[in-house]
Amino acid sequence: MTKCIENAIVIGATGLVGRELIRQLSQNDTCKNITAVVRRRDEELTRLAKVQQLVLEDFLLLTKEDVLDYTHAFSSLGTTIKKAGSKDCFYAIDFKINAHLAELLEHSETGLIIVSATGANPNSLFFYNRVKGELEYYLKSLKLAQLAILRPSLLLGDRDESRPAEQAIQKLYSRFSHLVPDTFKLKPVTAAQVAHTMVEAAQTQTEKFEIYDNLRILKMK
């Protein structure tokens, strides 16, 4: 089943991938309306003609009525344990909010495209990867019209927030990127590449469920 992106709803719209996704959706000829779910009104998004903002202090307040009549729902929502402040807070954002969105989409015709991570595994020894894996497992158990899961590696781009470790890796990678073959499955990807894959998955995926691993993201240009 393929479907043009006519109306899209996005959570995680103000993050690194989310902003790029909104920009690409705004330039998509078939996409007429984009709803960005945000915690506070965003000035950059107000300048995009197709974008309207749904302001919710808590994304768990999203209702079934809020997600009606969209052809596609996108989530690039995610954080780190350090930024969240604790494992419980990380779980509340990365698992509970994404799961809540998916539950609202059950038995509808809306396709869900969501960003996970390389290494996602419900049995992982690493908490971050385990939560991502548990979310993927749960999403696959729901009755969704269509589900696309992206598993990018390290994301390249300028974030609004400070992540010193990521910034250091990015600087190092920029110096030696020419030595990293395209076949390296953990090769960093840009936010633009991830957003592009999300849009392509929404428009071209024929199966009810597909995983887009890091190498596939790199190849979808």
C-alpha atoms as a PDB file:
ATOM      1  CA  MET A   1       0.000   0.000   0.000  1.00  0.00           C
ATOM      2  CA  THR A   2       1.393   3.377  -1.005  1.00  0.00           C
ATOM      3  CA  LYS A   3      -0.230   6.680  -0.252  1.00  0.00           C
ATOM      4  CA  CYS A   4       0.626  10.294  -1.036  1.00  0.00           C
ATOM      5  CA  ILE A   5       1.389  12.447   1.977  1.00  0.00           C
ATOM      6  CA  GLU A   6      -1.599  14.780   2.044  1.00  0.00           C
ATOM      7  CA  ASN A   7      -1.929  15.607   5.732  1.00  0.00           C
ATOM      8  CA  ALA A   8       0.822  14.926   8.252  1.00  0.00           C
ATOM      9  CA  ILE A   9       1.099  15.162  12.016  1.00  0.00           C
ATOM     10  CA  VAL A  10       4.584  15.292  13.568  1.00  0.00           C
ATOM     11  CA  ILE A  11       5.846  14.876  17.128  1.00  0.00           C
ATOM     12  CA  GLY A  12       9.459  15.703  17.846  1.00  0.00           C
ATOM     13  CA  ALA A  13       9.065  18.562  15.356  1.00  0.00           C
ATOM     14  CA  THR A  14      11.566  20.895  17.027  1.00  0.00           C
ATOM     15  CA  GLY A  15      14.436  18.409  17.302  1.00  0.00           C
ATOM     16  CA  LEU A  16      17.331  17.871  14.925  1.00  0.00           C
ATOM     17  CA  VAL A  17      15.494  15.446  12.635  1.00  0.00           C
ATOM     18  CA  GLY A  18      12.058  16.933  13.264  1.00  0.00           C
ATOM     19  CA  ARG A  19      12.912  20.391  11.950  1.00  0.00           C
ATOM     20  CA  GLU A  20      14.453  18.907   8.821  1.00  0.00           C
ATOM     21  CA  LEU A  21      11.429  16.646   8.353  1.00  0.00           C
ATOM     22  CA  ILE A  22       9.055  19.630   8.629  1.00  0.00           C
ATOM     23  CA  ARG A  23      11.102  21.497   6.014  1.00  0.00           C
ATOM     24  CA  GLN A  24      11.023  18.557   3.611  1.00  0.00           C
ATOM     25  CA  LEU A  25       7.309  17.976   4.111  1.00  0.00           C
ATOM     26  CA  SER A  26       6.706  21.692   3.471  1.00  0.00           C
ATOM     27  CA  GLN A  27       8.414  21.313   0.103  1.00  0.00           C
ATOM     28  CA  ASN A  28       6.444  18.188  -0.807  1.00  0.00           C
ATOM     29  CA  ASP A  29       3.892  19.072  -3.502  1.00  0.00           C
ATOM     30  CA  THR A  30       1.265  16.576  -2.353  1.00  0.00           C
ATOM     31  CA  CYS A  31       1.432  17.557   1.302  1.00  0.00           C
ATOM     32  CA  LYS A  32      -1.175  20.231   1.962  1.00  0.00           C
ATOM     33  CA  ASN A  33      -1.202  20.417   5.748  1.00  0.00           C
ATOM     34  CA  ILE A  34       1.331  19.697   8.509  1.00  0.00           C
ATOM     35  CA  THR A  35       0.478  19.717  12.204  1.00  0.00           C
ATOM     36  CA  ALA A  36       3.480  20.033  14.487  1.00  0.00           C
ATOM     37  CA  VAL A  37       2.771  18.941  18.058  1.00  0.00           C
ATOM     38  CA  VAL A  38       4.878  21.195  20.289  1.00  0.00           C
ATOM     39  CA  ARG A  39       5.181  22.023  23.972  1.00  0.00           C
ATOM     40  CA  ARG A  40       5.454  25.736  23.263  1.00  0.00           C
ATOM     41  CA  ARG A  41       4.848  27.799  20.150  1.00  0.00           C
ATOM     42  CA  ASP A  42       7.905  27.764  17.875  1.00  0.00           C
ATOM     43  CA  GLU A  43       8.773  30.918  15.913  1.00  0.00           C
ATOM     44  CA  GLU A  44      10.634  29.082  13.157  1.00  0.00           C
ATOM     45  CA  LEU A  45       7.607  26.906  12.437  1.00  0.00           C
ATOM     46  CA  THR A  46       5.289  29.937  12.248  1.00  0.00           C
ATOM     47  CA  ARG A  47       7.143  31.035   9.103  1.00  0.00           C
ATOM     48  CA  LEU A  48       6.172  27.886   7.174  1.00  0.00           C
ATOM     49  CA  ALA A  49       2.874  28.343   5.338  1.00  0.00           C
ATOM     50  CA  LYS A  50       1.694  24.716   5.499  1.00  0.00           C
ATOM     51  CA  VAL A  51       2.441  24.273   9.189  1.00  0.00           C
ATOM     52  CA  GLN A  52       0.051  24.673  12.074  1.00  0.00           C
ATOM     53  CA  GLN A  53       1.054  24.066  15.671  1.00  0.00           C
ATOM     54  CA  LEU A  54      -0.800  22.043  18.279  1.00  0.00           C
ATOM     55  CA  VAL A  55       0.537  23.226  21.621  1.00  0.00           C
ATOM     56  CA  LEU A  56       0.382  20.638  24.411  1.00  0.00           C
ATOM     57  CA  GLU A  57       2.400  20.843  27.610  1.00  0.00           C
ATOM     58  CA  ASP A  58       2.180  17.049  27.864  1.00  0.00           C
ATOM     59  CA  PHE A  59       2.066  14.951  24.677  1.00  0.00           C
ATOM     60  CA  LEU A  60       0.199  12.267  26.597  1.00  0.00           C
ATOM     61  CA  LEU A  61      -2.755  14.659  26.398  1.00  0.00           C
ATOM     62  CA  LEU A  62      -3.047  13.909  22.679  1.00  0.00           C
ATOM     63  CA  THR A  63      -6.485  12.477  21.931  1.00  0.00           C
ATOM     64  CA  LYS A  64      -7.914  10.346  19.164  1.00  0.00           C
ATOM     65  CA  GLU A  65      -9.664  13.436  17.800  1.00  0.00           C
ATOM     66  CA  ASP A  66      -6.294  15.203  17.544  1.00  0.00           C
ATOM     67  CA  VAL A  67      -4.935  12.550  15.171  1.00  0.00           C
ATOM     68  CA  LEU A  68      -8.015  12.028  12.986  1.00  0.00           C
ATOM     69  CA  ASP A  69      -7.905  12.341   9.200  1.00  0.00           C
ATOM     70  CA  TYR A  70      -4.139  12.380   8.711  1.00  0.00           C
ATOM     71  CA  THR A  71      -2.631  10.249   5.974  1.00  0.00           C
ATOM     72  CA  HIS A  72       0.639   9.939   7.920  1.00  0.00           C
ATOM     73  CA  ALA A  73       1.990  10.421  11.433  1.00  0.00           C
ATOM     74  CA  PHE A  74       5.701  10.967  12.000  1.00  0.00           C
ATOM     75  CA  SER A  75       7.691  10.743  15.204  1.00  0.00           C
ATOM     76  CA  SER A  76      11.297  11.770  15.629  1.00  0.00           C
ATOM     77  CA  LEU A  77      10.735  12.248  19.343  1.00  0.00           C
ATOM     78  CA  GLY A  78      13.605  11.079  21.495  1.00  0.00           C
ATOM     79  CA  THR A  79      16.030  12.235  24.145  1.00  0.00           C
ATOM     80  CA  THR A  80      18.987  11.029  26.185  1.00  0.00           C
ATOM     81  CA  ILE A  81      19.062   9.802  29.773  1.00  0.00           C
ATOM     82  CA  LYS A  82      21.309  12.747  30.679  1.00  0.00           C
ATOM     83  CA  LYS A  83      18.924  15.332  29.232  1.00  0.00           C
ATOM     84  CA  ALA A  84      15.826  13.597  30.595  1.00  0.00           C
ATOM     85  CA  GLY A  85      17.380  13.529  34.063  1.00  0.00           C
ATOM     86  CA  SER A  86      16.692   9.900  34.915  1.00  0.00           C
ATOM     87  CA  LYS A  87      15.919   6.534  33.389  1.00  0.00           C
ATOM     88  CA  ASP A  88      12.266   6.907  34.350  1.00  0.00           C
ATOM     89  CA  CYS A  89      11.980  10.265  32.604  1.00  0.00           C
ATOM     90  CA  PHE A  90      13.786   8.912  29.539  1.00  0.00           C
ATOM     91  CA  TYR A  91      11.349   5.984  29.411  1.00  0.00           C
ATOM     92  CA  ALA A  92       8.381   8.347  29.754  1.00  0.00           C
ATOM     93  CA  ILE A  93       9.490  10.272  26.671  1.00  0.00           C
ATOM     94  CA  ASP A  94      10.975   7.640  24.391  1.00  0.00           C
ATOM     95  CA  PHE A  95       8.549   4.830  25.144  1.00  0.00           C
ATOM     96  CA  LYS A  96       5.346   6.156  26.661  1.00  0.00           C
ATOM     97  CA  ILE A  97       4.721   9.127  24.378  1.00  0.00           C
ATOM     98  CA  ASN A  98       5.560   7.239  21.198  1.00  0.00           C
ATOM     99  CA  ALA A  99       3.448   4.290  22.327  1.00  0.00           C
ATOM    100  CA  HIS A 100       0.567   6.642  23.135  1.00  0.00           C
ATOM    101  CA  LEU A 101       0.648   8.140  19.643  1.00  0.00           C
ATOM    102  CA  ALA A 102       0.653   4.680  18.078  1.00  0.00           C
ATOM    103  CA  GLU A 103      -2.244   3.532  20.253  1.00  0.00           C
ATOM    104  CA  LEU A 104      -4.316   6.501  19.045  1.00  0.00           C
ATOM    105  CA  LEU A 105      -3.638   5.426  15.447  1.00  0.00           C
ATOM    106  CA  GLU A 106      -4.807   1.829  15.896  1.00  0.00           C
ATOM    107  CA  HIS A 107      -7.594   0.751  13.512  1.00  0.00           C
ATOM    108  CA  SER A 108      -7.173   3.951  11.470  1.00  0.00           C
ATOM    109  CA  GLU A 109      -5.824   4.443   7.944  1.00  0.00           C
ATOM    110  CA  THR A 110      -2.914   6.568   9.127  1.00  0.00           C
ATOM    111  CA  GLY A 111       0.582   5.253   8.529  1.00  0.00           C
ATOM    112  CA  LEU A 112       3.205   5.688  11.259  1.00  0.00           C
ATOM    113  CA  ILE A 113       6.839   6.497  10.511  1.00  0.00           C
ATOM    114  CA  ILE A 114       9.084   6.592  13.565  1.00  0.00           C
ATOM    115  CA  VAL A 115      12.767   7.033  14.374  1.00  0.00           C
ATOM    116  CA  SER A 116      14.334   4.378  16.613  1.00  0.00           C
ATOM    117  CA  ALA A 117      18.071   3.680  16.797  1.00  0.00           C
ATOM    118  CA  THR A 118      20.768   1.312  15.630  1.00  0.00           C
ATOM    119  CA  GLY A 119      21.156  -1.349  18.286  1.00  0.00           C
ATOM    120  CA  ALA A 120      17.491  -1.337  19.333  1.00  0.00           C
ATOM    121  CA  ASN A 121      16.885  -4.644  21.086  1.00  0.00           C
ATOM    122  CA  PRO A 122      14.449  -5.485  23.916  1.00  0.00           C
ATOM    123  CA  ASN A 123      17.073  -7.842  25.341  1.00  0.00           C
ATOM    124  CA  SER A 124      19.977  -5.398  25.196  1.00  0.00           C
ATOM    125  CA  LEU A 125      22.212  -4.914  28.227  1.00  0.00           C
ATOM    126  CA  PHE A 126      22.138  -1.188  27.501  1.00  0.00           C
ATOM    127  CA  PHE A 127      19.093   0.635  28.845  1.00  0.00           C
ATOM    128  CA  TYR A 128      18.851   3.047  25.892  1.00  0.00           C
ATOM    129  CA  ASN A 129      18.871   0.263  23.310  1.00  0.00           C
ATOM    130  CA  ARG A 130      16.544  -1.868  25.413  1.00  0.00           C
ATOM    131  CA  VAL A 131      13.889   0.856  25.605  1.00  0.00           C
ATOM    132  CA  LYS A 132      14.118   1.423  21.858  1.00  0.00           C
ATOM    133  CA  GLY A 133      13.763  -2.312  21.296  1.00  0.00           C
ATOM    134  CA  GLU A 134      10.804  -2.586  23.658  1.00  0.00           C
ATOM    135  CA  LEU A 135       9.093   0.253  21.819  1.00  0.00           C
ATOM    136  CA  GLU A 136       9.634  -1.403  18.440  1.00  0.00           C
ATOM    137  CA  TYR A 137       8.276  -4.691  19.767  1.00  0.00           C
ATOM    138  CA  TYR A 138       5.198  -2.971  21.172  1.00  0.00           C
ATOM    139  CA  LEU A 139       4.512  -0.985  17.996  1.00  0.00           C
ATOM    140  CA  LYS A 140       4.610  -4.179  15.938  1.00  0.00           C
ATOM    141  CA  SER A 141       1.955  -5.690  18.217  1.00  0.00           C
ATOM    142  CA  LEU A 142      -0.560  -2.946  17.433  1.00  0.00           C
ATOM    143  CA  LYS A 143      -3.058  -2.976  14.582  1.00  0.00           C
ATOM    144  CA  LEU A 144      -1.577  -0.152  12.524  1.00  0.00           C
ATOM    145  CA  ALA A 145      -2.339   0.496   8.880  1.00  0.00           C
ATOM    146  CA  GLN A 146       1.382   0.733   8.143  1.00  0.00           C
ATOM    147  CA  LEU A 147       4.540   1.019  10.210  1.00  0.00           C
ATOM    148  CA  ALA A 148       8.015   2.161   9.192  1.00  0.00           C
ATOM    149  CA  ILE A 149      10.841   2.101  11.743  1.00  0.00           C
ATOM    150  CA  LEU A 150      14.129   3.889  11.071  1.00  0.00           C
ATOM    151  CA  ARG A 151      17.305   2.854  12.876  1.00  0.00           C
ATOM    152  CA  PRO A 152      19.920   5.546  12.275  1.00  0.00           C
ATOM    153  CA  SER A 153      23.397   5.556  13.755  1.00  0.00           C
ATOM    154  CA  LEU A 154      24.992   8.756  15.091  1.00  0.00           C
ATOM    155  CA  LEU A 155      23.110  11.789  13.789  1.00  0.00           C
ATOM    156  CA  LEU A 156      25.083  14.643  12.251  1.00  0.00           C
ATOM    157  CA  GLY A 157      23.783  18.205  12.462  1.00  0.00           C
ATOM    158  CA  ASP A 158      23.555  21.304  14.601  1.00  0.00           C
ATOM    159  CA  ARG A 159      21.382  20.732  17.640  1.00  0.00           C
ATOM    160  CA  ASP A 160      19.737  23.425  19.732  1.00  0.00           C
ATOM    161  CA  GLU A 161      20.938  21.584  22.827  1.00  0.00           C
ATOM    162  CA  SER A 162      24.484  20.878  23.969  1.00  0.00           C
ATOM    163  CA  ARG A 163      25.728  17.301  23.608  1.00  0.00           C
ATOM    164  CA  PRO A 164      29.524  17.534  24.124  1.00  0.00           C
ATOM    165  CA  ALA A 165      30.269  13.874  23.364  1.00  0.00           C
ATOM    166  CA  GLU A 166      28.320  13.944  20.107  1.00  0.00           C
ATOM    167  CA  GLN A 167      29.919  17.243  19.118  1.00  0.00           C
ATOM    168  CA  ALA A 168      33.392  15.824  19.713  1.00  0.00           C
ATOM    169  CA  ILE A 169      32.607  12.758  17.603  1.00  0.00           C
ATOM    170  CA  GLN A 170      31.202  14.963  14.836  1.00  0.00           C
ATOM    171  CA  LYS A 171      34.380  17.050  14.727  1.00  0.00           C
ATOM    172  CA  LEU A 172      36.521  13.930  14.612  1.00  0.00           C
ATOM    173  CA  TYR A 173      34.318  12.388  11.926  1.00  0.00           C
ATOM    174  CA  SER A 174      34.470  15.530   9.766  1.00  0.00           C
ATOM    175  CA  ARG A 175      38.252  15.132   9.620  1.00  0.00           C
ATOM    176  CA  PHE A 176      38.267  11.440   8.748  1.00  0.00           C
ATOM    177  CA  SER A 177      34.925  10.880   6.995  1.00  0.00           C
ATOM    178  CA  HIS A 178      36.690  10.201   3.690  1.00  0.00           C
ATOM    179  CA  LEU A 179      38.206   7.090   5.255  1.00  0.00           C
ATOM    180  CA  VAL A 180      34.847   5.605   6.285  1.00  0.00           C
ATOM    181  CA  PRO A 181      33.368   3.342   3.574  1.00  0.00           C
ATOM    182  CA  ASP A 182      29.677   3.632   2.711  1.00  0.00           C
ATOM    183  CA  THR A 183      29.317  -0.047   3.599  1.00  0.00           C
ATOM    184  CA  PHE A 184      30.189   0.601   7.266  1.00  0.00           C
ATOM    185  CA  LYS A 185      26.883  -0.090   9.015  1.00  0.00           C
ATOM    186  CA  LEU A 186      27.527   2.437  11.808  1.00  0.00           C
ATOM    187  CA  LYS A 187      28.529   5.295   9.507  1.00  0.00           C
ATOM    188  CA  PRO A 188      26.992   8.538  10.838  1.00  0.00           C
ATOM    189  CA  VAL A 189      24.024   9.955   8.937  1.00  0.00           C
ATOM    190  CA  THR A 190      22.720  13.488   8.627  1.00  0.00           C
ATOM    191  CA  ALA A 191      19.372  14.674   9.895  1.00  0.00           C
ATOM    192  CA  ALA A 192      18.489  15.456   6.274  1.00  0.00           C
ATOM    193  CA  GLN A 193      19.144  11.838   5.258  1.00  0.00           C
ATOM    194  CA  VAL A 194      16.931  10.526   8.050  1.00  0.00           C
ATOM    195  CA  ALA A 195      14.144  12.976   7.236  1.00  0.00           C
ATOM    196  CA  HIS A 196      14.398  12.097   3.544  1.00  0.00           C
ATOM    197  CA  THR A 197      14.058   8.407   4.373  1.00  0.00           C
ATOM    198  CA  MET A 198      10.997   9.123   6.492  1.00  0.00           C
ATOM    199  CA  VAL A 199       9.336  10.924   3.602  1.00  0.00           C
ATOM    200  CA  GLU A 200      10.307   8.219   1.115  1.00  0.00           C
ATOM    201  CA  ALA A 201       9.068   5.470   3.419  1.00  0.00           C
ATOM    202  CA  ALA A 202       5.741   7.260   3.786  1.00  0.00           C
ATOM    203  CA  GLN A 203       5.324   7.539   0.024  1.00  0.00           C
ATOM    204  CA  THR A 204       6.763   4.303  -1.307  1.00  0.00           C
ATOM    205  CA  GLN A 205       6.494   1.558   1.334  1.00  0.00           C
ATOM    206  CA  THR A 206       4.241  -1.261   0.138  1.00  0.00           C
ATOM    207  CA  GLU A 207       4.537  -3.651   3.088  1.00  0.00           C
ATOM    208  CA  LYS A 208       2.616  -3.145   6.318  1.00  0.00           C
ATOM    209  CA  PHE A 209       5.888  -3.163   8.261  1.00  0.00           C
ATOM    210  CA  GLU A 210       9.466  -2.366   7.318  1.00  0.00           C
ATOM    211  CA  ILE A 211      12.690  -1.532   9.125  1.00  0.00           C
ATOM    212  CA  TYR A 212      15.063   0.980   7.557  1.00  0.00           C
ATOM    213  CA  ASP A 213      18.488   0.267   8.989  1.00  0.00           C
ATOM    214  CA  ASN A 214      21.399   2.691   8.881  1.00  0.00           C
ATOM    215  CA  LEU A 215      22.816   1.400   5.586  1.00  0.00           C
ATOM    216  CA  ARG A 216      19.401   1.703   3.946  1.00  0.00           C
ATOM    217  CA  ILE A 217      19.108   5.287   5.203  1.00  0.00           C
ATOM    218  CA  LEU A 218      22.507   6.068   3.722  1.00  0.00           C
ATOM    219  CA  LYS A 219      21.463   4.680   0.336  1.00  0.00           C
ATOM    220  CA  MET A 220      18.102   6.459   0.086  1.00  0.00           C
ATOM    221  CA  LYS A 221      19.254   9.660  -1.573  1.00  0.00           C
END
